């Protein structure tokens, strides 16, 4: 509860510095906090013993978090898209973290955000947010390729029959999939970054399939 910023967001690390201060969706960090607090607010399951005062505080925290999520949805050319992996806690703009995690639109973490918004009582703003995000996922899906893991590498091959996949990161304004090595330089092909980063990071996935619309 003490970690939550006044604006409704949660940092990666409490009272920290650098990118750890960013409002963090990476690996579903903020969304998992909100799922927990929502369970506490509703005295769900093992939280049935919670007193009403704490439950009420948790409900307020979740409500503030949802409001902030709606504010942070990235607008490109006047159109709502999705969210970044992390956002600056003051400007609320997508922000970078580690060298290979540059400001971008997230094809993975945005899925968890949409799933959580779908558990909320619908409002016009929430409904518009969900639809815009799902429209974006449809627009940026990638077809005709397959990602193959070998014994020591990850390579992209052509395959017209492969199911749709998504990139972990998309460039803001262009929606191009981007890949970044430890040098922090944006590349547009997975093969252009070093083998260590190709192997040890999830650059592609089918995360949006979990929304049940593909």
N, C-alpha and C. Protein backbone atom coordinates (compact mmCIF):
# COMPACT_ATOMS: atom_id res chain seq x y z
N UNK A 1 0.84 -1.20 0.00
CA UNK A 1 0.00 0.00 0.00
C UNK A 1 0.88 1.26 0.00
N UNK A 2 1.96 1.22 0.77
CA UNK A 2 2.84 2.39 0.86
C UNK A 2 3.63 2.63 -0.42
N UNK A 3 3.77 1.60 -1.26
CA UNK A 3 4.52 1.74 -2.51
C UNK A 3 3.78 2.56 -3.55
N UNK A 4 2.46 2.59 -3.46
CA UNK A 4 1.68 3.21 -4.53
C UNK A 4 1.93 4.72 -4.60
N UNK A 5 2.21 5.20 -5.80
CA UNK A 5 2.35 6.63 -6.00
C UNK A 5 1.01 7.32 -5.84
N UNK A 6 1.05 8.62 -5.56
CA UNK A 6 -0.18 9.40 -5.42
C UNK A 6 -1.02 9.35 -6.70
N UNK A 7 -0.35 9.18 -7.85
CA UNK A 7 -1.10 9.15 -9.11
C UNK A 7 -1.74 7.80 -9.39
N UNK A 8 -1.43 6.79 -8.57
CA UNK A 8 -2.06 5.48 -8.71
C UNK A 8 -1.17 4.38 -9.22
N UNK A 9 0.07 4.71 -9.61
CA UNK A 9 0.97 3.70 -10.15
C UNK A 9 1.85 3.05 -9.10
N UNK A 10 2.49 1.95 -9.50
CA UNK A 10 3.45 1.28 -8.62
C UNK A 10 4.80 1.21 -9.30
N UNK A 11 5.89 1.51 -8.56
CA UNK A 11 7.23 1.37 -9.12
C UNK A 11 7.65 -0.09 -9.10
N UNK A 12 8.75 -0.39 -9.78
CA UNK A 12 9.27 -1.74 -9.73
C UNK A 12 9.83 -2.05 -8.34
N UNK A 13 10.51 -1.05 -7.77
CA UNK A 13 11.13 -1.22 -6.46
C UNK A 13 10.79 0.00 -5.58
N UNK A 14 10.41 -0.25 -4.34
CA UNK A 14 10.01 0.81 -3.42
C UNK A 14 11.21 1.70 -3.05
N UNK A 15 10.98 3.02 -3.08
CA UNK A 15 12.00 3.99 -2.67
C UNK A 15 13.35 3.74 -3.33
N UNK A 16 13.33 3.49 -4.63
CA UNK A 16 14.56 3.17 -5.33
C UNK A 16 14.99 4.33 -6.22
N UNK A 17 15.82 4.03 -7.21
CA UNK A 17 16.32 5.07 -8.11
C UNK A 17 16.39 4.51 -9.53
N UNK A 18 16.72 5.40 -10.47
CA UNK A 18 16.84 4.97 -11.85
C UNK A 18 15.54 4.40 -12.40
N UNK A 19 15.66 3.42 -13.28
CA UNK A 19 14.45 2.88 -13.91
C UNK A 19 13.56 2.10 -12.95
N UNK A 20 14.10 1.74 -11.77
CA UNK A 20 13.28 1.05 -10.78
C UNK A 20 12.15 1.92 -10.26
N UNK A 21 12.27 3.24 -10.49
CA UNK A 21 11.21 4.17 -10.05
C UNK A 21 10.05 4.22 -11.04
N UNK A 22 10.26 3.72 -12.25
CA UNK A 22 9.21 3.79 -13.26
C UNK A 22 7.98 2.98 -12.84
N UNK A 23 6.82 3.44 -13.29
CA UNK A 23 5.59 2.64 -13.13
C UNK A 23 5.78 1.42 -14.03
N UNK A 24 5.78 0.24 -13.43
CA UNK A 24 6.29 -0.95 -14.11
C UNK A 24 5.22 -2.00 -14.41
N UNK A 25 4.99 -2.21 -15.72
CA UNK A 25 4.15 -3.31 -16.18
C UNK A 25 4.98 -4.54 -16.54
N UNK A 26 6.29 -4.36 -16.67
CA UNK A 26 7.18 -5.44 -17.08
C UNK A 26 6.91 -6.70 -16.24
N UNK A 27 6.78 -7.84 -16.94
CA UNK A 27 6.47 -9.12 -16.28
C UNK A 27 5.21 -9.03 -15.43
N UNK A 28 4.30 -8.15 -15.84
CA UNK A 28 2.99 -7.99 -15.17
C UNK A 28 3.10 -7.53 -13.71
N UNK A 29 4.17 -6.82 -13.37
CA UNK A 29 4.40 -6.41 -11.98
C UNK A 29 3.23 -5.62 -11.40
N UNK A 30 2.86 -4.51 -12.01
CA UNK A 30 1.78 -3.68 -11.46
C UNK A 30 0.44 -4.39 -11.53
N UNK A 31 0.20 -5.11 -12.61
CA UNK A 31 -1.08 -5.81 -12.74
C UNK A 31 -1.22 -6.90 -11.68
N UNK A 32 -0.14 -7.61 -11.37
CA UNK A 32 -0.23 -8.63 -10.33
C UNK A 32 -0.49 -8.02 -8.95
N UNK A 33 0.08 -6.83 -8.71
CA UNK A 33 -0.22 -6.12 -7.46
C UNK A 33 -1.72 -5.79 -7.40
N UNK A 34 -2.26 -5.32 -8.52
CA UNK A 34 -3.66 -4.93 -8.55
C UNK A 34 -4.60 -6.14 -8.41
N UNK A 35 -4.21 -7.26 -8.99
CA UNK A 35 -5.00 -8.49 -8.82
C UNK A 35 -5.04 -8.89 -7.35
N UNK A 36 -3.87 -8.82 -6.70
CA UNK A 36 -3.80 -9.14 -5.27
C UNK A 36 -4.68 -8.21 -4.44
N UNK A 37 -4.53 -6.91 -4.66
CA UNK A 37 -5.30 -5.94 -3.87
C UNK A 37 -6.79 -6.04 -4.16
N UNK A 38 -7.14 -6.40 -5.39
CA UNK A 38 -8.56 -6.59 -5.72
C UNK A 38 -9.13 -7.79 -4.97
N UNK A 39 -8.35 -8.84 -4.85
CA UNK A 39 -8.79 -10.00 -4.06
C UNK A 39 -8.97 -9.63 -2.59
N UNK A 40 -8.03 -8.82 -2.07
CA UNK A 40 -8.14 -8.38 -0.68
C UNK A 40 -9.37 -7.48 -0.51
N UNK A 41 -9.57 -6.57 -1.44
CA UNK A 41 -10.71 -5.65 -1.37
C UNK A 41 -12.04 -6.39 -1.33
N UNK A 42 -12.08 -7.51 -2.06
CA UNK A 42 -13.32 -8.30 -2.12
C UNK A 42 -13.35 -9.46 -1.14
N UNK A 43 -12.34 -9.51 -0.25
CA UNK A 43 -12.23 -10.57 0.76
C UNK A 43 -12.39 -11.95 0.13
N UNK A 44 -11.69 -12.11 -0.99
CA UNK A 44 -11.82 -13.32 -1.79
C UNK A 44 -10.95 -14.45 -1.24
N UNK A 45 -11.48 -15.66 -1.21
CA UNK A 45 -10.71 -16.83 -0.82
C UNK A 45 -10.04 -16.68 0.52
N UNK A 46 -8.71 -16.81 0.53
CA UNK A 46 -7.95 -16.76 1.79
C UNK A 46 -7.97 -15.39 2.45
N UNK A 47 -8.53 -14.39 1.77
CA UNK A 47 -8.58 -13.04 2.35
C UNK A 47 -9.92 -12.74 3.02
N UNK A 48 -10.70 -13.76 3.31
CA UNK A 48 -12.02 -13.54 3.92
C UNK A 48 -11.91 -12.94 5.32
N UNK A 49 -10.74 -13.06 5.95
CA UNK A 49 -10.56 -12.53 7.32
C UNK A 49 -10.28 -11.04 7.35
N UNK A 50 -10.04 -10.43 6.19
CA UNK A 50 -9.63 -9.02 6.14
C UNK A 50 -10.72 -8.10 6.69
N UNK A 51 -10.31 -7.11 7.48
CA UNK A 51 -11.31 -6.18 8.02
C UNK A 51 -11.72 -5.18 6.95
N UNK A 52 -12.89 -4.60 7.16
CA UNK A 52 -13.49 -3.73 6.13
C UNK A 52 -12.68 -2.47 5.87
N UNK A 53 -11.95 -1.98 6.86
CA UNK A 53 -11.14 -0.78 6.67
C UNK A 53 -10.03 -1.03 5.66
N UNK A 54 -9.31 -2.14 5.84
CA UNK A 54 -8.23 -2.48 4.91
C UNK A 54 -8.80 -2.82 3.54
N UNK A 55 -9.93 -3.52 3.52
CA UNK A 55 -10.56 -3.86 2.24
C UNK A 55 -10.92 -2.59 1.47
N UNK A 56 -11.42 -1.60 2.18
CA UNK A 56 -11.78 -0.33 1.54
C UNK A 56 -10.57 0.39 0.99
N UNK A 57 -9.45 0.36 1.72
CA UNK A 57 -8.21 1.00 1.25
C UNK A 57 -7.70 0.31 -0.01
N UNK A 58 -7.82 -1.01 -0.03
CA UNK A 58 -7.37 -1.77 -1.20
C UNK A 58 -8.25 -1.45 -2.41
N UNK A 59 -9.53 -1.31 -2.18
CA UNK A 59 -10.45 -0.98 -3.27
C UNK A 59 -10.11 0.39 -3.85
N UNK A 60 -9.81 1.35 -2.96
CA UNK A 60 -9.42 2.69 -3.42
C UNK A 60 -8.13 2.63 -4.23
N UNK A 61 -7.18 1.82 -3.77
CA UNK A 61 -5.90 1.70 -4.47
C UNK A 61 -6.09 1.13 -5.87
N UNK A 62 -6.94 0.12 -5.99
CA UNK A 62 -7.19 -0.49 -7.29
C UNK A 62 -7.90 0.50 -8.21
N UNK A 63 -8.86 1.22 -7.68
CA UNK A 63 -9.59 2.21 -8.47
C UNK A 63 -8.64 3.27 -9.02
N UNK A 64 -7.72 3.75 -8.17
CA UNK A 64 -6.73 4.73 -8.62
C UNK A 64 -5.81 4.13 -9.68
N UNK A 65 -5.46 2.86 -9.51
CA UNK A 65 -4.60 2.20 -10.48
C UNK A 65 -5.26 2.09 -11.84
N UNK A 66 -6.54 1.74 -11.85
CA UNK A 66 -7.28 1.64 -13.12
C UNK A 66 -7.37 2.99 -13.81
N UNK A 67 -7.65 4.02 -13.04
CA UNK A 67 -7.74 5.37 -13.59
C UNK A 67 -6.43 5.76 -14.25
N UNK A 68 -5.31 5.42 -13.60
CA UNK A 68 -4.01 5.77 -14.16
C UNK A 68 -3.72 4.96 -15.43
N UNK A 69 -4.06 3.70 -15.42
CA UNK A 69 -3.86 2.86 -16.61
C UNK A 69 -4.56 3.48 -17.82
N UNK A 70 -5.76 3.94 -17.60
CA UNK A 70 -6.51 4.56 -18.71
C UNK A 70 -5.82 5.84 -19.19
N UNK A 71 -5.23 6.58 -18.26
CA UNK A 71 -4.50 7.80 -18.63
C UNK A 71 -3.23 7.48 -19.42
N UNK A 72 -2.59 6.36 -19.10
CA UNK A 72 -1.28 6.06 -19.67
C UNK A 72 -1.36 5.36 -21.03
N UNK A 73 -2.53 4.95 -21.45
CA UNK A 73 -2.63 4.29 -22.75
C UNK A 73 -2.10 5.23 -23.82
N UNK A 74 -1.14 4.75 -24.59
CA UNK A 74 -0.40 5.62 -25.51
C UNK A 74 -1.27 6.01 -26.71
N UNK A 75 -1.27 7.30 -27.00
CA UNK A 75 -2.00 7.83 -28.15
C UNK A 75 -1.02 8.13 -29.28
N UNK A 76 -1.28 7.58 -30.45
CA UNK A 76 -0.46 7.82 -31.64
C UNK A 76 -1.35 8.34 -32.75
N UNK A 77 -1.03 9.51 -33.25
CA UNK A 77 -1.84 10.15 -34.29
C UNK A 77 -3.32 10.24 -33.90
N UNK A 78 -3.54 10.61 -32.65
CA UNK A 78 -4.90 10.80 -32.15
C UNK A 78 -5.65 9.52 -31.84
N UNK A 79 -4.96 8.39 -31.89
CA UNK A 79 -5.62 7.09 -31.71
C UNK A 79 -5.00 6.33 -30.55
N UNK A 80 -5.86 5.77 -29.68
CA UNK A 80 -5.38 4.95 -28.58
C UNK A 80 -4.72 3.69 -29.12
N UNK A 81 -3.60 3.29 -28.50
CA UNK A 81 -2.93 2.04 -28.89
C UNK A 81 -2.89 1.11 -27.67
N UNK A 82 -1.69 0.89 -27.13
CA UNK A 82 -1.55 0.04 -25.94
C UNK A 82 -0.65 0.75 -24.93
N UNK A 83 0.17 0.01 -24.21
CA UNK A 83 1.00 0.57 -23.15
C UNK A 83 2.46 0.18 -23.34
N UNK A 84 3.33 0.90 -22.65
CA UNK A 84 4.74 0.56 -22.65
C UNK A 84 5.03 -0.48 -21.59
N UNK A 85 6.25 -1.00 -21.63
CA UNK A 85 6.65 -1.97 -20.61
C UNK A 85 6.79 -1.29 -19.25
N UNK A 86 7.21 -0.03 -19.28
CA UNK A 86 7.23 0.81 -18.09
C UNK A 86 7.01 2.25 -18.52
N UNK A 87 6.49 3.05 -17.58
CA UNK A 87 6.18 4.45 -17.88
C UNK A 87 6.83 5.34 -16.83
N UNK A 88 7.27 6.51 -17.25
CA UNK A 88 7.82 7.49 -16.33
C UNK A 88 6.77 7.86 -15.28
N UNK A 89 7.18 7.90 -14.03
CA UNK A 89 6.21 8.11 -12.95
C UNK A 89 5.68 9.53 -12.89
N UNK A 90 6.32 10.47 -13.60
CA UNK A 90 5.87 11.87 -13.61
C UNK A 90 5.19 12.21 -14.92
N UNK A 91 5.87 11.97 -16.03
CA UNK A 91 5.30 12.32 -17.34
C UNK A 91 4.28 11.31 -17.83
N UNK A 92 4.35 10.09 -17.29
CA UNK A 92 3.48 8.96 -17.67
C UNK A 92 3.75 8.44 -19.08
N UNK A 93 4.83 8.89 -19.70
CA UNK A 93 5.18 8.43 -21.05
C UNK A 93 5.95 7.11 -20.96
N UNK A 94 5.89 6.28 -22.03
CA UNK A 94 6.70 5.06 -22.03
C UNK A 94 8.17 5.40 -21.77
N UNK A 95 8.81 4.58 -20.98
CA UNK A 95 10.20 4.84 -20.58
C UNK A 95 11.05 3.60 -20.79
N UNK A 96 12.35 3.78 -20.81
CA UNK A 96 13.27 2.66 -20.94
C UNK A 96 13.66 2.10 -19.59
N UNK A 97 14.21 0.90 -19.60
CA UNK A 97 14.72 0.29 -18.37
C UNK A 97 16.14 -0.19 -18.64
N UNK A 98 16.35 -1.50 -18.74
CA UNK A 98 17.66 -1.99 -19.11
C UNK A 98 17.99 -1.56 -20.55
N UNK A 99 19.26 -1.65 -20.94
CA UNK A 99 19.70 -1.12 -22.23
C UNK A 99 18.87 -1.64 -23.39
N UNK A 100 18.43 -2.88 -23.30
CA UNK A 100 17.68 -3.50 -24.40
C UNK A 100 16.17 -3.35 -24.25
N UNK A 101 15.74 -2.56 -23.27
CA UNK A 101 14.32 -2.28 -23.04
C UNK A 101 14.08 -0.78 -23.23
N UNK A 102 13.93 -0.38 -24.48
CA UNK A 102 13.79 1.03 -24.82
C UNK A 102 12.32 1.43 -24.78
N UNK A 103 12.02 2.74 -24.71
CA UNK A 103 10.63 3.17 -24.75
C UNK A 103 9.95 2.62 -26.01
N UNK A 104 8.82 1.98 -25.83
CA UNK A 104 8.17 1.30 -26.96
C UNK A 104 6.75 0.92 -26.55
N UNK A 105 6.05 0.27 -27.47
CA UNK A 105 4.73 -0.30 -27.17
C UNK A 105 4.91 -1.79 -26.93
N UNK A 106 4.29 -2.29 -25.88
CA UNK A 106 4.52 -3.67 -25.48
C UNK A 106 3.46 -4.63 -26.02
N UNK A 107 3.93 -5.64 -26.77
CA UNK A 107 3.03 -6.68 -27.26
C UNK A 107 2.74 -7.74 -26.23
N UNK A 108 3.50 -7.77 -25.14
CA UNK A 108 3.27 -8.76 -24.09
C UNK A 108 2.53 -8.15 -22.90
N UNK A 109 3.15 -7.18 -22.23
CA UNK A 109 2.57 -6.64 -21.00
C UNK A 109 1.21 -6.01 -21.22
N UNK A 110 0.97 -5.47 -22.40
CA UNK A 110 -0.34 -4.85 -22.67
C UNK A 110 -1.47 -5.87 -22.60
N UNK A 111 -1.15 -7.14 -22.85
CA UNK A 111 -2.18 -8.18 -22.78
C UNK A 111 -2.70 -8.33 -21.34
N UNK A 112 -1.78 -8.35 -20.38
CA UNK A 112 -2.19 -8.45 -18.98
C UNK A 112 -3.03 -7.28 -18.54
N UNK A 113 -2.72 -6.10 -19.07
CA UNK A 113 -3.51 -4.91 -18.74
C UNK A 113 -4.92 -5.04 -19.26
N UNK A 114 -5.06 -5.46 -20.52
CA UNK A 114 -6.40 -5.63 -21.11
C UNK A 114 -7.19 -6.68 -20.34
N UNK A 115 -6.55 -7.78 -19.99
CA UNK A 115 -7.25 -8.84 -19.23
C UNK A 115 -7.79 -8.28 -17.92
N UNK A 116 -6.99 -7.44 -17.24
CA UNK A 116 -7.46 -6.88 -15.98
C UNK A 116 -8.60 -5.90 -16.21
N UNK A 117 -8.48 -5.06 -17.22
CA UNK A 117 -9.56 -4.11 -17.51
C UNK A 117 -10.88 -4.84 -17.79
N UNK A 118 -10.78 -6.04 -18.36
CA UNK A 118 -11.99 -6.81 -18.65
C UNK A 118 -12.68 -7.33 -17.38
N UNK A 119 -11.98 -7.30 -16.25
CA UNK A 119 -12.59 -7.72 -14.99
C UNK A 119 -13.29 -6.57 -14.28
N UNK A 120 -13.14 -5.37 -14.80
CA UNK A 120 -13.74 -4.19 -14.16
C UNK A 120 -15.17 -3.98 -14.66
N UNK A 121 -15.97 -3.30 -13.86
CA UNK A 121 -17.30 -2.90 -14.31
C UNK A 121 -17.12 -1.97 -15.50
N UNK A 122 -17.80 -2.25 -16.58
CA UNK A 122 -17.56 -1.51 -17.81
C UNK A 122 -18.07 -0.07 -17.73
N UNK A 123 -17.26 0.82 -18.25
CA UNK A 123 -17.66 2.21 -18.48
C UNK A 123 -17.33 2.50 -19.93
N UNK A 124 -17.78 3.62 -20.43
CA UNK A 124 -17.45 3.98 -21.82
C UNK A 124 -15.94 4.06 -22.01
N UNK A 125 -15.24 4.64 -21.04
CA UNK A 125 -13.79 4.79 -21.16
C UNK A 125 -13.09 3.44 -21.15
N UNK A 126 -13.51 2.56 -20.26
CA UNK A 126 -12.89 1.23 -20.20
C UNK A 126 -13.18 0.44 -21.47
N UNK A 127 -14.42 0.49 -21.94
CA UNK A 127 -14.79 -0.23 -23.16
C UNK A 127 -13.99 0.29 -24.36
N UNK A 128 -13.83 1.61 -24.45
CA UNK A 128 -13.07 2.19 -25.55
C UNK A 128 -11.59 1.80 -25.48
N UNK A 129 -11.07 1.75 -24.25
CA UNK A 129 -9.69 1.38 -24.04
C UNK A 129 -9.42 -0.05 -24.50
N UNK A 130 -10.30 -0.96 -24.09
CA UNK A 130 -10.15 -2.37 -24.46
C UNK A 130 -10.26 -2.55 -25.97
N UNK A 131 -11.25 -1.91 -26.57
CA UNK A 131 -11.43 -2.06 -28.03
C UNK A 131 -10.23 -1.52 -28.80
N UNK A 132 -9.73 -0.37 -28.36
CA UNK A 132 -8.58 0.23 -29.05
C UNK A 132 -7.36 -0.69 -28.96
N UNK A 133 -7.13 -1.25 -27.78
CA UNK A 133 -5.99 -2.15 -27.61
C UNK A 133 -6.15 -3.40 -28.47
N UNK A 134 -7.34 -3.97 -28.48
CA UNK A 134 -7.56 -5.18 -29.28
C UNK A 134 -7.44 -4.88 -30.77
N UNK A 135 -7.89 -3.71 -31.18
CA UNK A 135 -7.73 -3.31 -32.58
C UNK A 135 -6.24 -3.18 -32.93
N UNK A 136 -5.47 -2.66 -31.98
CA UNK A 136 -4.03 -2.52 -32.20
C UNK A 136 -3.37 -3.90 -32.34
N UNK A 137 -3.73 -4.82 -31.46
CA UNK A 137 -3.18 -6.18 -31.55
C UNK A 137 -3.47 -6.81 -32.91
N UNK A 138 -4.67 -6.59 -33.40
CA UNK A 138 -5.04 -7.13 -34.71
C UNK A 138 -4.19 -6.49 -35.81
N UNK A 139 -3.95 -5.19 -35.68
CA UNK A 139 -3.23 -4.46 -36.72
C UNK A 139 -1.75 -4.83 -36.78
N UNK A 140 -1.16 -5.22 -35.65
CA UNK A 140 0.29 -5.45 -35.63
C UNK A 140 0.67 -6.92 -35.59
N UNK A 141 -0.30 -7.82 -35.70
CA UNK A 141 0.06 -9.24 -35.69
C UNK A 141 0.96 -9.55 -36.88
N UNK A 142 1.82 -10.51 -36.69
CA UNK A 142 2.83 -10.86 -37.69
C UNK A 142 2.53 -12.25 -38.24
N UNK A 143 2.44 -12.36 -39.55
CA UNK A 143 2.18 -13.64 -40.19
C UNK A 143 3.29 -13.99 -41.16
N UNK A 144 3.37 -15.26 -41.53
CA UNK A 144 4.33 -15.69 -42.55
C UNK A 144 5.71 -16.02 -42.03
N UNK A 145 5.90 -15.95 -40.71
CA UNK A 145 7.21 -16.32 -40.16
C UNK A 145 7.05 -17.28 -38.99
N UNK A 146 8.12 -17.98 -38.70
CA UNK A 146 8.16 -18.89 -37.55
C UNK A 146 9.45 -18.64 -36.80
N UNK A 147 9.37 -18.61 -35.47
CA UNK A 147 10.54 -18.42 -34.64
C UNK A 147 11.01 -19.80 -34.17
N UNK A 148 12.24 -20.12 -34.50
CA UNK A 148 12.78 -21.46 -34.22
C UNK A 148 13.90 -21.37 -33.20
N UNK A 149 13.80 -22.18 -32.15
CA UNK A 149 14.87 -22.25 -31.15
C UNK A 149 15.75 -23.45 -31.49
N UNK A 150 17.01 -23.18 -31.74
CA UNK A 150 17.97 -24.25 -31.99
C UNK A 150 18.69 -24.56 -30.68
N UNK A 151 19.71 -25.37 -30.75
CA UNK A 151 20.44 -25.71 -29.52
C UNK A 151 21.17 -24.52 -28.92
N UNK A 152 21.50 -23.54 -29.77
CA UNK A 152 22.27 -22.41 -29.24
C UNK A 152 21.85 -21.06 -29.80
N UNK A 153 20.66 -20.98 -30.43
CA UNK A 153 20.27 -19.71 -31.02
C UNK A 153 18.75 -19.67 -31.20
N UNK A 154 18.26 -18.50 -31.57
CA UNK A 154 16.85 -18.31 -31.94
C UNK A 154 16.86 -17.63 -33.29
N UNK A 155 16.20 -18.25 -34.27
CA UNK A 155 16.21 -17.70 -35.62
C UNK A 155 14.79 -17.56 -36.15
N UNK A 156 14.62 -16.64 -37.08
CA UNK A 156 13.33 -16.41 -37.71
C UNK A 156 13.37 -16.97 -39.13
N UNK A 157 12.41 -17.83 -39.45
CA UNK A 157 12.35 -18.41 -40.79
C UNK A 157 11.00 -18.10 -41.43
N UNK A 158 10.97 -18.16 -42.74
CA UNK A 158 9.72 -17.93 -43.48
C UNK A 158 8.84 -19.17 -43.38
N UNK A 159 7.55 -18.95 -43.11
CA UNK A 159 6.59 -20.06 -43.05
C UNK A 159 5.18 -19.51 -43.27
N UNK A 160 4.67 -19.58 -44.49
CA UNK A 160 3.35 -19.04 -44.81
C UNK A 160 2.21 -19.69 -44.01
N UNK A 161 2.45 -20.87 -43.46
CA UNK A 161 1.39 -21.59 -42.73
C UNK A 161 1.45 -21.35 -41.22
N UNK A 162 2.45 -20.63 -40.75
CA UNK A 162 2.63 -20.43 -39.31
C UNK A 162 1.51 -19.55 -38.74
N UNK A 163 1.07 -19.85 -37.51
CA UNK A 163 0.06 -18.99 -36.88
C UNK A 163 0.63 -17.61 -36.58
N UNK A 164 -0.25 -16.67 -36.40
CA UNK A 164 0.18 -15.29 -36.11
C UNK A 164 0.95 -15.22 -34.80
N UNK A 165 1.95 -14.36 -34.78
CA UNK A 165 2.68 -14.07 -33.55
C UNK A 165 2.82 -12.56 -33.41
N UNK A 166 3.34 -12.13 -32.28
CA UNK A 166 3.53 -10.71 -32.01
C UNK A 166 4.94 -10.49 -31.50
N UNK A 167 5.44 -9.28 -31.71
CA UNK A 167 6.74 -8.90 -31.16
C UNK A 167 6.56 -8.41 -29.72
N UNK A 168 7.61 -8.56 -28.94
CA UNK A 168 7.58 -8.06 -27.56
C UNK A 168 7.50 -6.53 -27.56
N UNK A 169 8.24 -5.90 -28.48
CA UNK A 169 8.29 -4.44 -28.53
C UNK A 169 7.98 -3.93 -29.94
N UNK A 170 7.22 -2.86 -29.99
CA UNK A 170 6.93 -2.18 -31.26
C UNK A 170 7.36 -0.72 -31.13
N UNK A 171 7.89 -0.20 -32.20
CA UNK A 171 8.34 1.19 -32.23
C UNK A 171 7.12 2.12 -32.19
N UNK A 172 7.15 3.08 -31.29
CA UNK A 172 6.06 4.06 -31.20
C UNK A 172 6.05 4.88 -32.50
N UNK A 173 4.90 5.13 -33.01
CA UNK A 173 4.66 5.91 -34.25
C UNK A 173 4.71 5.07 -35.53
N UNK A 174 5.54 4.01 -35.56
CA UNK A 174 5.62 3.22 -36.80
C UNK A 174 5.01 1.83 -36.66
N UNK A 175 4.90 1.33 -35.42
CA UNK A 175 4.44 -0.05 -35.16
C UNK A 175 5.36 -1.12 -35.73
N UNK A 176 6.61 -0.76 -36.01
CA UNK A 176 7.57 -1.75 -36.48
C UNK A 176 8.10 -2.55 -35.29
N UNK A 177 8.19 -3.89 -35.41
CA UNK A 177 8.83 -4.68 -34.36
C UNK A 177 10.29 -4.22 -34.19
N UNK A 178 10.72 -4.10 -32.96
CA UNK A 178 12.10 -3.68 -32.72
C UNK A 178 12.81 -4.67 -31.80
N UNK A 179 14.13 -4.73 -31.97
CA UNK A 179 14.98 -5.64 -31.22
C UNK A 179 16.23 -4.87 -30.81
N UNK A 180 16.63 -5.03 -29.58
CA UNK A 180 17.72 -4.21 -29.05
C UNK A 180 18.70 -5.08 -28.27
N UNK A 181 19.98 -4.91 -28.55
CA UNK A 181 21.00 -5.63 -27.80
C UNK A 181 21.49 -4.81 -26.62
N UNK A 182 22.54 -5.28 -26.02
CA UNK A 182 23.07 -4.60 -24.84
C UNK A 182 23.72 -3.26 -25.18
N UNK A 183 23.88 -2.98 -26.47
CA UNK A 183 24.41 -1.67 -26.86
C UNK A 183 23.32 -0.60 -26.90
N UNK A 184 22.05 -1.01 -26.73
CA UNK A 184 20.95 -0.05 -26.68
C UNK A 184 20.52 0.48 -28.02
N UNK A 185 21.06 -0.06 -29.11
CA UNK A 185 20.74 0.43 -30.46
C UNK A 185 19.57 -0.36 -31.05
N UNK A 186 18.54 0.34 -31.49
CA UNK A 186 17.35 -0.31 -32.04
C UNK A 186 17.66 -0.93 -33.40
N UNK A 187 17.28 -2.19 -33.55
CA UNK A 187 17.39 -2.90 -34.82
C UNK A 187 16.01 -3.41 -35.21
N UNK A 188 15.86 -3.74 -36.49
CA UNK A 188 14.55 -4.16 -36.97
C UNK A 188 14.49 -5.63 -37.38
N UNK A 189 15.60 -6.34 -37.14
CA UNK A 189 15.63 -7.78 -37.37
C UNK A 189 16.28 -8.46 -36.16
N UNK A 190 15.69 -9.57 -35.73
CA UNK A 190 16.23 -10.28 -34.58
C UNK A 190 17.68 -10.69 -34.82
N UNK A 191 18.00 -11.04 -36.05
CA UNK A 191 19.35 -11.50 -36.37
C UNK A 191 20.40 -10.41 -36.25
N UNK A 192 19.97 -9.17 -36.12
CA UNK A 192 20.92 -8.05 -36.04
C UNK A 192 21.41 -7.77 -34.63
N UNK A 193 20.85 -8.43 -33.63
CA UNK A 193 21.36 -8.25 -32.26
C UNK A 193 22.19 -9.48 -31.88
N UNK A 194 22.95 -9.35 -30.82
CA UNK A 194 23.89 -10.41 -30.45
C UNK A 194 23.17 -11.70 -30.02
N UNK A 195 23.86 -12.80 -30.24
CA UNK A 195 23.29 -14.13 -29.97
C UNK A 195 22.83 -14.27 -28.51
N UNK A 196 23.58 -13.72 -27.59
CA UNK A 196 23.21 -13.83 -26.17
C UNK A 196 21.84 -13.21 -25.89
N UNK A 197 21.55 -12.07 -26.51
CA UNK A 197 20.25 -11.42 -26.30
C UNK A 197 19.15 -12.12 -27.10
N UNK A 198 19.49 -12.66 -28.26
CA UNK A 198 18.49 -13.40 -29.03
C UNK A 198 17.97 -14.59 -28.22
N UNK A 199 18.87 -15.24 -27.54
CA UNK A 199 18.54 -16.48 -26.83
C UNK A 199 17.88 -16.22 -25.48
N UNK A 200 18.31 -15.17 -24.81
CA UNK A 200 17.92 -14.99 -23.41
C UNK A 200 16.87 -13.91 -23.17
N UNK A 201 16.01 -13.69 -24.17
CA UNK A 201 14.91 -12.73 -23.99
C UNK A 201 13.76 -13.16 -24.89
N UNK A 202 12.55 -12.89 -24.45
CA UNK A 202 11.36 -13.28 -25.24
C UNK A 202 11.00 -12.16 -26.21
N UNK A 203 11.49 -12.26 -27.44
CA UNK A 203 11.26 -11.22 -28.44
C UNK A 203 9.97 -11.40 -29.21
N UNK A 204 9.50 -12.63 -29.30
CA UNK A 204 8.25 -12.93 -29.99
C UNK A 204 7.39 -13.82 -29.10
N UNK A 205 6.08 -13.74 -29.30
CA UNK A 205 5.19 -14.64 -28.55
C UNK A 205 3.77 -14.56 -29.09
N UNK A 206 2.92 -15.41 -28.55
CA UNK A 206 1.51 -15.41 -28.97
C UNK A 206 0.60 -14.90 -27.85
N UNK A 207 1.13 -14.00 -27.03
CA UNK A 207 0.43 -13.51 -25.84
C UNK A 207 -1.01 -13.05 -26.11
N UNK A 208 -1.30 -12.29 -27.15
CA UNK A 208 -2.67 -11.82 -27.37
C UNK A 208 -3.69 -12.94 -27.60
N UNK A 209 -3.22 -14.14 -27.91
CA UNK A 209 -4.17 -15.26 -28.05
C UNK A 209 -4.96 -15.47 -26.76
N UNK A 210 -4.36 -15.08 -25.63
CA UNK A 210 -5.02 -15.24 -24.36
C UNK A 210 -6.23 -14.34 -24.17
N UNK A 211 -6.41 -13.39 -25.07
CA UNK A 211 -7.58 -12.50 -24.98
C UNK A 211 -8.81 -13.13 -25.63
N UNK A 212 -8.59 -14.23 -26.33
CA UNK A 212 -9.72 -14.96 -26.92
C UNK A 212 -10.35 -14.31 -28.13
N UNK A 213 -9.59 -13.46 -28.83
CA UNK A 213 -10.17 -12.78 -29.98
C UNK A 213 -9.44 -13.12 -31.27
N UNK A 214 -8.49 -14.07 -31.20
CA UNK A 214 -7.71 -14.39 -32.39
C UNK A 214 -7.85 -15.85 -32.75
